[in-house]
Amino acid sequence: MKFLELAEKRYSVRAYKPDPVEEDKLNQVLEAARLAPTAVNAQPFQLIVIHTAGREAELNRIYRKDWFVQAPLVIGICGIPAQGWVRRDGKNYTEVDVAIAMDHLILAATDAGLGTCWVGAFDPEAAREVLGLPDDVEPIAFTPLGYPADQPKSKKRKPLSELVRYERW
């Protein structure tokens, strides 16, 4: 599939089939995250793969939507700020690196016929408790991973003319 077709095909899935995700497909999406570019190749993140079966109530503490635990897997991505590159002005790039890795993962999932939904509106304290995160690790995003049971809705995107400037502001 050509890249722009893949980007257009990706959507936020909010209903999942209970079918298991094959190990080779899971490894494919995890590998895509591993290959994502990060500042100075620091890779200041960890991916946590969580099987939802039997953990629905616990996982719903992190994000309280039924569809979040419909998929057989949830993947959390956590940043480790102490491992991230820091720009001269003090900006730590860990969150940028994590976002790039998650985007690679989500696009690879789409390419493999799997569905995802980037979740940032979760309860970070519940995530810390449920996942047993050390103090120096920050939960950044989650996504269910499974086969879609819904259909994409039309995406409303701004035209390029509203998003692109040339040479200066």
N, C-alpha and C. Protein backbone atom coordinates (compact mmCIF):
# COMPACT_ATOMS: atom_id res chain seq x y z
N MET A 1 0.85 -1.18 0.00
CA MET A 1 0.00 0.00 0.00
C MET A 1 0.89 1.24 0.00
N LYS A 2 0.53 2.21 -0.80
CA LYS A 2 1.29 3.45 -0.82
C LYS A 2 1.04 4.22 0.47
N PHE A 3 2.04 5.02 0.87
CA PHE A 3 1.98 5.66 2.17
C PHE A 3 0.75 6.55 2.34
N LEU A 4 0.43 7.40 1.38
CA LEU A 4 -0.73 8.28 1.55
C LEU A 4 -2.04 7.49 1.63
N GLU A 5 -2.11 6.37 0.93
CA GLU A 5 -3.30 5.50 1.05
C GLU A 5 -3.39 4.95 2.47
N LEU A 6 -2.25 4.53 3.01
CA LEU A 6 -2.20 4.01 4.37
C LEU A 6 -2.63 5.08 5.37
N ALA A 7 -2.08 6.29 5.23
CA ALA A 7 -2.42 7.38 6.13
C ALA A 7 -3.92 7.72 6.06
N GLU A 8 -4.47 7.63 4.87
CA GLU A 8 -5.89 7.93 4.70
C GLU A 8 -6.76 6.80 5.27
N LYS A 9 -6.29 5.58 5.18
CA LYS A 9 -7.05 4.41 5.66
C LYS A 9 -7.11 4.36 7.20
N ARG A 10 -6.09 4.87 7.86
CA ARG A 10 -6.04 4.84 9.32
C ARG A 10 -7.18 5.67 9.92
N TYR A 11 -7.83 5.10 10.91
CA TYR A 11 -8.86 5.86 11.62
C TYR A 11 -8.89 5.40 13.07
N SER A 12 -9.55 6.16 13.92
CA SER A 12 -9.66 5.83 15.34
C SER A 12 -10.77 4.82 15.53
N VAL A 13 -10.39 3.58 15.77
CA VAL A 13 -11.34 2.48 15.92
C VAL A 13 -11.92 2.51 17.33
N ARG A 14 -13.24 2.41 17.39
CA ARG A 14 -13.90 2.45 18.70
C ARG A 14 -14.83 1.25 18.92
N ALA A 15 -14.57 0.18 18.16
CA ALA A 15 -15.25 -1.11 18.37
C ALA A 15 -14.33 -2.19 17.81
N TYR A 16 -14.12 -3.24 18.59
CA TYR A 16 -13.16 -4.27 18.22
C TYR A 16 -13.77 -5.66 18.29
N LYS A 17 -13.33 -6.53 17.40
CA LYS A 17 -13.69 -7.94 17.45
C LYS A 17 -12.84 -8.60 18.53
N PRO A 18 -13.31 -9.70 19.09
CA PRO A 18 -12.51 -10.38 20.13
C PRO A 18 -11.39 -11.26 19.56
N ASP A 19 -11.29 -11.34 18.24
CA ASP A 19 -10.29 -12.21 17.61
C ASP A 19 -8.88 -11.87 18.09
N PRO A 20 -8.08 -12.90 18.38
CA PRO A 20 -6.71 -12.63 18.84
C PRO A 20 -5.86 -12.01 17.74
N VAL A 21 -4.87 -11.25 18.14
CA VAL A 21 -3.89 -10.67 17.22
C VAL A 21 -2.76 -11.67 17.10
N GLU A 22 -2.46 -12.06 15.86
CA GLU A 22 -1.39 -13.02 15.62
C GLU A 22 -0.06 -12.45 16.10
N GLU A 23 0.79 -13.32 16.62
CA GLU A 23 2.07 -12.89 17.18
C GLU A 23 2.94 -12.17 16.14
N ASP A 24 2.91 -12.64 14.88
CA ASP A 24 3.73 -11.98 13.86
C ASP A 24 3.23 -10.57 13.59
N LYS A 25 1.92 -10.35 13.65
CA LYS A 25 1.40 -9.00 13.45
C LYS A 25 1.74 -8.10 14.63
N LEU A 26 1.63 -8.64 15.84
CA LEU A 26 2.02 -7.87 17.02
C LEU A 26 3.50 -7.49 16.91
N ASN A 27 4.34 -8.44 16.57
CA ASN A 27 5.77 -8.14 16.44
C ASN A 27 6.03 -7.11 15.35
N GLN A 28 5.25 -7.15 14.28
CA GLN A 28 5.40 -6.18 13.19
C GLN A 28 5.13 -4.76 13.68
N VAL A 29 4.06 -4.57 14.45
CA VAL A 29 3.76 -3.21 14.92
C VAL A 29 4.74 -2.76 15.99
N LEU A 30 5.20 -3.69 16.83
CA LEU A 30 6.21 -3.32 17.83
C LEU A 30 7.53 -2.97 17.16
N GLU A 31 7.88 -3.71 16.12
CA GLU A 31 9.12 -3.43 15.38
C GLU A 31 9.05 -2.05 14.72
N ALA A 32 7.89 -1.68 14.21
CA ALA A 32 7.74 -0.35 13.60
C ALA A 32 8.02 0.74 14.62
N ALA A 33 7.54 0.55 15.85
CA ALA A 33 7.82 1.53 16.91
C ALA A 33 9.31 1.57 17.23
N ARG A 34 9.94 0.41 17.27
CA ARG A 34 11.38 0.35 17.55
C ARG A 34 12.19 1.07 16.50
N LEU A 35 11.74 1.01 15.25
CA LEU A 35 12.47 1.62 14.13
C LEU A 35 12.22 3.12 13.99
N ALA A 36 11.29 3.65 14.77
CA ALA A 36 10.94 5.07 14.66
C ALA A 36 12.16 5.94 15.00
N PRO A 37 12.30 7.06 14.29
CA PRO A 37 13.41 7.95 14.62
C PRO A 37 13.18 8.64 15.96
N THR A 38 14.25 8.80 16.72
CA THR A 38 14.20 9.55 17.97
C THR A 38 15.42 10.47 18.01
N ALA A 39 15.31 11.53 18.77
CA ALA A 39 16.42 12.48 18.87
C ALA A 39 17.66 11.76 19.37
N VAL A 40 18.75 11.95 18.69
CA VAL A 40 20.05 11.31 18.92
C VAL A 40 19.92 9.79 19.11
N ASN A 41 18.89 9.21 18.53
CA ASN A 41 18.62 7.76 18.59
C ASN A 41 18.57 7.25 20.04
N ALA A 42 18.06 8.08 20.94
CA ALA A 42 18.04 7.72 22.36
C ALA A 42 16.98 6.66 22.69
N GLN A 43 15.90 6.62 21.93
CA GLN A 43 14.79 5.69 22.18
C GLN A 43 14.37 5.70 23.65
N PRO A 44 13.98 6.87 24.17
CA PRO A 44 13.67 6.99 25.60
C PRO A 44 12.24 6.55 25.94
N PHE A 45 11.90 5.33 25.55
CA PHE A 45 10.55 4.85 25.79
C PHE A 45 10.55 3.35 26.02
N GLN A 46 9.44 2.89 26.58
CA GLN A 46 9.16 1.48 26.73
C GLN A 46 7.72 1.26 26.30
N LEU A 47 7.49 0.15 25.61
CA LEU A 47 6.15 -0.26 25.20
C LEU A 47 5.69 -1.35 26.17
N ILE A 48 4.45 -1.24 26.62
CA ILE A 48 3.89 -2.25 27.51
C ILE A 48 2.70 -2.89 26.79
N VAL A 49 2.80 -4.17 26.52
CA VAL A 49 1.74 -4.93 25.85
C VAL A 49 0.91 -5.60 26.94
N ILE A 50 -0.39 -5.31 26.94
CA ILE A 50 -1.28 -5.79 27.99
C ILE A 50 -2.40 -6.61 27.35
N HIS A 51 -2.56 -7.84 27.78
CA HIS A 51 -3.69 -8.66 27.35
C HIS A 51 -4.90 -8.24 28.17
N THR A 52 -5.99 -7.96 27.50
CA THR A 52 -7.17 -7.41 28.18
C THR A 52 -8.01 -8.47 28.90
N ALA A 53 -7.98 -9.71 28.42
CA ALA A 53 -8.83 -10.75 29.00
C ALA A 53 -8.57 -10.89 30.49
N GLY A 54 -9.64 -10.74 31.27
CA GLY A 54 -9.54 -10.85 32.72
C GLY A 54 -9.04 -9.61 33.42
N ARG A 55 -8.66 -8.60 32.64
CA ARG A 55 -8.12 -7.37 33.24
C ARG A 55 -8.98 -6.15 32.90
N GLU A 56 -10.18 -6.40 32.38
CA GLU A 56 -11.02 -5.30 31.90
C GLU A 56 -11.27 -4.24 32.97
N ALA A 57 -11.68 -4.65 34.16
CA ALA A 57 -11.99 -3.67 35.22
C ALA A 57 -10.76 -2.86 35.60
N GLU A 58 -9.64 -3.54 35.71
CA GLU A 58 -8.39 -2.88 36.06
C GLU A 58 -7.99 -1.86 34.97
N LEU A 59 -8.08 -2.28 33.70
CA LEU A 59 -7.72 -1.39 32.59
C LEU A 59 -8.70 -0.24 32.44
N ASN A 60 -9.97 -0.48 32.80
CA ASN A 60 -10.94 0.62 32.73
C ASN A 60 -10.67 1.69 33.77
N ARG A 61 -9.84 1.43 34.74
CA ARG A 61 -9.40 2.48 35.65
C ARG A 61 -8.52 3.48 34.90
N ILE A 62 -7.78 2.99 33.91
CA ILE A 62 -6.91 3.85 33.11
C ILE A 62 -7.73 4.72 32.18
N TYR A 63 -8.70 4.10 31.50
CA TYR A 63 -9.56 4.83 30.55
C TYR A 63 -10.93 4.19 30.59
N ARG A 64 -11.93 4.97 30.90
CA ARG A 64 -13.27 4.46 31.20
C ARG A 64 -14.20 4.39 29.99
N LYS A 65 -13.77 3.76 28.93
CA LYS A 65 -14.63 3.51 27.77
C LYS A 65 -14.66 2.01 27.52
N ASP A 66 -15.84 1.46 27.29
CA ASP A 66 -15.96 0.02 27.08
C ASP A 66 -15.11 -0.47 25.93
N TRP A 67 -15.03 0.31 24.84
CA TRP A 67 -14.28 -0.15 23.67
C TRP A 67 -12.79 -0.23 23.93
N PHE A 68 -12.30 0.45 24.96
CA PHE A 68 -10.87 0.43 25.28
C PHE A 68 -10.38 -0.99 25.59
N VAL A 69 -11.26 -1.80 26.17
CA VAL A 69 -10.86 -3.15 26.55
C VAL A 69 -11.53 -4.23 25.69
N GLN A 70 -12.19 -3.84 24.60
CA GLN A 70 -12.79 -4.83 23.69
C GLN A 70 -11.73 -5.58 22.90
N ALA A 71 -10.68 -4.89 22.50
CA ALA A 71 -9.61 -5.52 21.72
C ALA A 71 -8.86 -6.49 22.63
N PRO A 72 -8.22 -7.49 22.06
CA PRO A 72 -7.50 -8.44 22.90
C PRO A 72 -6.25 -7.86 23.55
N LEU A 73 -5.77 -6.74 23.02
CA LEU A 73 -4.56 -6.12 23.55
C LEU A 73 -4.74 -4.62 23.73
N VAL A 74 -4.03 -4.09 24.69
CA VAL A 74 -3.84 -2.65 24.82
C VAL A 74 -2.33 -2.45 24.89
N ILE A 75 -1.86 -1.45 24.18
CA ILE A 75 -0.44 -1.12 24.24
C ILE A 75 -0.29 0.27 24.85
N GLY A 76 0.54 0.33 25.87
CA GLY A 76 0.88 1.60 26.48
C GLY A 76 2.30 1.96 26.09
N ILE A 77 2.54 3.24 25.89
CA ILE A 77 3.90 3.69 25.62
C ILE A 77 4.26 4.72 26.68
N CYS A 78 5.40 4.48 27.31
CA CYS A 78 5.85 5.32 28.41
C CYS A 78 7.17 5.97 28.07
N GLY A 79 7.31 7.21 28.45
CA GLY A 79 8.56 7.92 28.25
C GLY A 79 9.44 7.84 29.48
N ILE A 80 10.73 7.91 29.23
CA ILE A 80 11.72 7.94 30.31
C ILE A 80 12.50 9.24 30.12
N PRO A 81 12.01 10.35 30.68
CA PRO A 81 12.62 11.66 30.43
C PRO A 81 14.12 11.73 30.70
N ALA A 82 14.62 11.01 31.67
CA ALA A 82 16.05 11.05 31.98
C ALA A 82 16.90 10.49 30.84
N GLN A 83 16.29 9.71 29.95
CA GLN A 83 17.00 9.14 28.81
C GLN A 83 16.83 9.97 27.53
N GLY A 84 15.95 10.97 27.57
CA GLY A 84 15.66 11.77 26.38
C GLY A 84 16.70 12.85 26.12
N TRP A 85 16.81 13.21 24.86
CA TRP A 85 17.69 14.30 24.46
C TRP A 85 17.08 15.61 24.89
N VAL A 86 17.91 16.53 25.36
CA VAL A 86 17.46 17.84 25.81
C VAL A 86 18.10 18.91 24.93
N ARG A 87 17.25 19.72 24.32
CA ARG A 87 17.71 20.82 23.47
C ARG A 87 18.35 21.90 24.33
N ARG A 88 19.14 22.77 23.71
CA ARG A 88 19.85 23.85 24.42
C ARG A 88 18.97 24.68 25.34
N ASP A 89 17.71 24.90 24.92
CA ASP A 89 16.82 25.74 25.73
C ASP A 89 16.12 24.95 26.84
N GLY A 90 16.48 23.68 27.02
CA GLY A 90 15.92 22.88 28.09
C GLY A 90 14.76 22.00 27.67
N LYS A 91 14.30 22.10 26.42
CA LYS A 91 13.18 21.28 25.94
C LYS A 91 13.61 19.82 25.85
N ASN A 92 12.95 18.96 26.64
CA ASN A 92 13.21 17.53 26.61
C ASN A 92 12.36 16.93 25.49
N TYR A 93 12.97 16.16 24.61
CA TYR A 93 12.30 15.63 23.42
C TYR A 93 11.65 14.27 23.64
N THR A 94 11.60 13.78 24.86
CA THR A 94 11.03 12.46 25.12
C THR A 94 9.61 12.34 24.58
N GLU A 95 8.75 13.31 24.85
CA GLU A 95 7.36 13.22 24.39
C GLU A 95 7.28 13.23 22.87
N VAL A 96 8.15 13.98 22.21
CA VAL A 96 8.19 13.98 20.75
C VAL A 96 8.58 12.60 20.24
N ASP A 97 9.62 12.04 20.83
CA ASP A 97 10.09 10.71 20.43
C ASP A 97 9.01 9.65 20.63
N VAL A 98 8.32 9.72 21.76
CA VAL A 98 7.24 8.78 22.05
C VAL A 98 6.12 8.92 21.02
N ALA A 99 5.77 10.15 20.67
CA ALA A 99 4.71 10.37 19.69
C ALA A 99 5.09 9.79 18.33
N ILE A 100 6.32 9.94 17.93
CA ILE A 100 6.77 9.39 16.65
C ILE A 100 6.68 7.86 16.68
N ALA A 101 7.14 7.26 17.77
CA ALA A 101 7.09 5.80 17.90
C ALA A 101 5.65 5.30 17.87
N MET A 102 4.75 5.98 18.58
CA MET A 102 3.35 5.57 18.59
C MET A 102 2.73 5.71 17.21
N ASP A 103 3.08 6.77 16.50
CA ASP A 103 2.55 6.96 15.16
C ASP A 103 3.02 5.84 14.23
N HIS A 104 4.28 5.46 14.33
CA HIS A 104 4.79 4.34 13.53
C HIS A 104 4.01 3.06 13.86
N LEU A 105 3.79 2.82 15.15
CA LEU A 105 3.06 1.63 15.58
C LEU A 105 1.65 1.61 15.00
N ILE A 106 0.97 2.73 15.09
CA ILE A 106 -0.42 2.82 14.62
C ILE A 106 -0.50 2.65 13.10
N LEU A 107 0.42 3.22 12.38
CA LEU A 107 0.40 3.06 10.92
C LEU A 107 0.74 1.63 10.52
N ALA A 108 1.67 1.00 11.23
CA ALA A 108 1.99 -0.40 10.95
C ALA A 108 0.79 -1.30 11.26
N ALA A 109 0.06 -0.98 12.32
CA ALA A 109 -1.14 -1.75 12.65
C ALA A 109 -2.17 -1.64 11.53
N THR A 110 -2.36 -0.44 11.03
CA THR A 110 -3.30 -0.23 9.92
C THR A 110 -2.87 -1.05 8.72
N ASP A 111 -1.58 -1.04 8.42
CA ASP A 111 -1.05 -1.79 7.29
C ASP A 111 -1.28 -3.30 7.46
N ALA A 112 -1.31 -3.76 8.71
CA ALA A 112 -1.51 -5.19 8.99
C ALA A 112 -2.99 -5.55 9.12
N GLY A 113 -3.89 -4.58 8.88
CA GLY A 113 -5.32 -4.85 8.97
C GLY A 113 -5.87 -4.75 10.37
N LEU A 114 -5.09 -4.18 11.28
CA LEU A 114 -5.51 -4.04 12.68
C LEU A 114 -6.00 -2.63 12.94
N GLY A 115 -6.77 -2.49 14.00
CA GLY A 115 -7.29 -1.19 14.38
C GLY A 115 -6.64 -0.69 15.65
N THR A 116 -6.61 0.62 15.78
CA THR A 116 -6.05 1.29 16.95
C THR A 116 -6.85 2.56 17.23
N CYS A 117 -6.66 3.12 18.39
CA CYS A 117 -7.20 4.44 18.71
C CYS A 117 -6.27 5.07 19.74
N TRP A 118 -5.59 6.11 19.31
CA TRP A 118 -4.65 6.82 20.18
C TRP A 118 -5.43 7.42 21.34
N VAL A 119 -5.06 7.04 22.56
CA VAL A 119 -5.74 7.54 23.76
C VAL A 119 -4.75 8.33 24.59
N GLY A 120 -5.05 9.60 24.76
CA GLY A 120 -4.24 10.46 25.61
C GLY A 120 -5.02 10.96 26.82
N ALA A 121 -6.34 10.80 26.79
CA ALA A 121 -7.20 11.32 27.86
C ALA A 121 -7.41 10.27 28.95
N PHE A 122 -6.34 9.63 29.36
CA PHE A 122 -6.41 8.58 30.38
C PHE A 122 -6.04 9.15 31.75
N ASP A 123 -6.24 8.36 32.78
CA ASP A 123 -5.89 8.75 34.14
C ASP A 123 -4.44 8.31 34.41
N PRO A 124 -3.50 9.26 34.45
CA PRO A 124 -2.10 8.88 34.61
C PRO A 124 -1.79 8.19 35.94
N GLU A 125 -2.46 8.58 37.01
CA GLU A 125 -2.21 7.94 38.30
C GLU A 125 -2.69 6.50 38.28
N ALA A 126 -3.85 6.26 37.69
CA ALA A 126 -4.35 4.88 37.57
C ALA A 126 -3.40 4.07 36.70
N ALA A 127 -2.90 4.67 35.62
CA ALA A 127 -1.96 3.96 34.74
C ALA A 127 -0.69 3.59 35.51
N ARG A 128 -0.20 4.50 36.32
CA ARG A 128 0.99 4.22 37.13
C ARG A 128 0.77 3.02 38.06
N GLU A 129 -0.40 3.02 38.71
CA GLU A 129 -0.72 1.94 39.65
C GLU A 129 -0.92 0.61 38.92
N VAL A 130 -1.75 0.62 37.91
CA VAL A 130 -2.08 -0.62 37.20
C VAL A 130 -0.84 -1.25 36.55
N LEU A 131 0.02 -0.41 36.00
CA LEU A 131 1.21 -0.92 35.30
C LEU A 131 2.45 -1.01 36.18
N GLY A 132 2.36 -0.55 37.42
CA GLY A 132 3.50 -0.63 38.32
C GLY A 132 4.69 0.18 37.84
N LEU A 133 4.43 1.40 37.35
CA LEU A 133 5.50 2.22 36.78
C LEU A 133 6.39 2.83 37.86
N PRO A 134 7.69 2.82 37.63
CA PRO A 134 8.60 3.53 38.54
C PRO A 134 8.37 5.04 38.43
N ASP A 135 8.83 5.77 39.42
CA ASP A 135 8.63 7.22 39.46
C ASP A 135 9.23 7.96 38.27
N ASP A 136 10.31 7.43 37.70
CA ASP A 136 10.99 8.14 36.60
C ASP A 136 10.44 7.78 35.22
N VAL A 137 9.33 7.05 35.18
CA VAL A 137 8.70 6.65 33.92
C VAL A 137 7.33 7.32 33.83
N GLU A 138 7.04 7.91 32.67
CA GLU A 138 5.80 8.65 32.48
C GLU A 138 4.92 7.98 31.43
N PRO A 139 3.68 7.61 31.80
CA PRO A 139 2.77 7.08 30.79
C PRO A 139 2.37 8.22 29.84
N ILE A 140 2.49 7.99 28.53
CA ILE A 140 2.22 9.06 27.57
C ILE A 140 0.97 8.77 26.74
N ALA A 141 0.80 7.55 26.25
CA ALA A 141 -0.35 7.23 25.40
C ALA A 141 -0.65 5.74 25.45
N PHE A 142 -1.88 5.42 25.09
CA PHE A 142 -2.33 4.04 25.01
C PHE A 142 -3.09 3.84 23.71
N THR A 143 -3.16 2.60 23.26
CA THR A 143 -4.04 2.24 22.16
C THR A 143 -4.50 0.80 22.32
N PRO A 144 -5.79 0.55 22.11
CA PRO A 144 -6.20 -0.84 21.94
C PRO A 144 -5.57 -1.34 20.64
N LEU A 145 -5.41 -2.65 20.51
CA LEU A 145 -4.90 -3.24 19.28
C LEU A 145 -5.70 -4.50 19.00
N GLY A 146 -6.42 -4.47 17.88
CA GLY A 146 -7.24 -5.62 17.51
C GLY A 146 -7.88 -5.39 16.16
N TYR A 147 -8.76 -6.29 15.79
CA TYR A 147 -9.44 -6.18 14.51
C TYR A 147 -10.68 -5.29 14.65
N PRO A 148 -10.82 -4.31 13.77
CA PRO A 148 -11.95 -3.39 13.86
C PRO A 148 -13.29 -4.11 13.71
N ALA A 149 -14.28 -3.66 14.48
CA ALA A 149 -15.65 -4.13 14.36
C ALA A 149 -16.56 -2.97 13.96
N ASP A 150 -15.97 -1.86 13.57
CA ASP A 150 -16.75 -0.71 13.12
C ASP A 150 -16.22 -0.26 11.76
N GLN A 151 -16.80 0.78 11.26
CA GLN A 151 -16.39 1.34 9.96
C GLN A 151 -15.89 2.76 10.18
N PRO A 152 -14.92 3.18 9.37
CA PRO A 152 -14.42 4.55 9.54
C PRO A 152 -15.49 5.58 9.20
N LYS A 153 -15.46 6.66 9.97
CA LYS A 153 -16.30 7.81 9.65
C LYS A 153 -15.46 8.76 8.82
N SER A 154 -16.12 9.62 8.09
CA SER A 154 -15.35 10.54 7.25
C SER A 154 -14.52 11.47 8.13
N LYS A 155 -13.30 11.71 7.69
CA LYS A 155 -12.38 12.57 8.42
C LYS A 155 -12.51 14.00 7.91
N LYS A 156 -12.65 14.90 8.84
CA LYS A 156 -12.67 16.31 8.46
C LYS A 156 -11.28 16.86 8.71
N ARG A 157 -10.59 17.15 7.66
CA ARG A 157 -9.24 17.68 7.76
C ARG A 157 -9.18 19.06 7.12
N LYS A 158 -8.39 19.91 7.71
CA LYS A 158 -8.19 21.23 7.12
C LYS A 158 -7.46 21.09 5.79
N PRO A 159 -7.72 21.99 4.86
CA PRO A 159 -6.97 21.94 3.60
C PRO A 159 -5.52 22.40 3.84
N LEU A 160 -4.64 21.97 2.97
CA LEU A 160 -3.23 22.36 3.09
C LEU A 160 -3.05 23.87 3.20
N SER A 161 -3.89 24.60 2.48
CA SER A 161 -3.75 26.06 2.49
C SER A 161 -3.91 26.66 3.90
N GLU A 162 -4.57 25.94 4.80
CA GLU A 162 -4.73 26.42 6.18
C GLU A 162 -3.62 25.92 7.10
N LEU A 163 -2.79 25.01 6.61
CA LEU A 163 -1.79 24.38 7.46
C LEU A 163 -0.35 24.67 7.06
N VAL A 164 -0.15 25.18 5.86
CA VAL A 164 1.22 25.33 5.35
C VAL A 164 1.52 26.79 5.07
N ARG A 165 2.69 27.21 5.50
CA ARG A 165 3.22 28.54 5.18
C ARG A 165 4.57 28.34 4.54
N TYR A 166 4.93 29.20 3.65
CA TYR A 166 6.22 29.11 2.99
C TYR A 166 7.10 30.30 3.38
N GLU A 167 8.33 30.00 3.66
CA GLU A 167 9.38 30.97 3.97
C GLU A 167 9.25 31.64 5.33
N ARG A 168 8.09 32.18 5.67
CA ARG A 168 7.90 32.88 6.96
C ARG A 168 6.46 32.73 7.40
N TRP A 169 6.21 33.16 8.62
CA TRP A 169 4.85 33.13 9.15
C TRP A 169 3.98 34.04 8.33
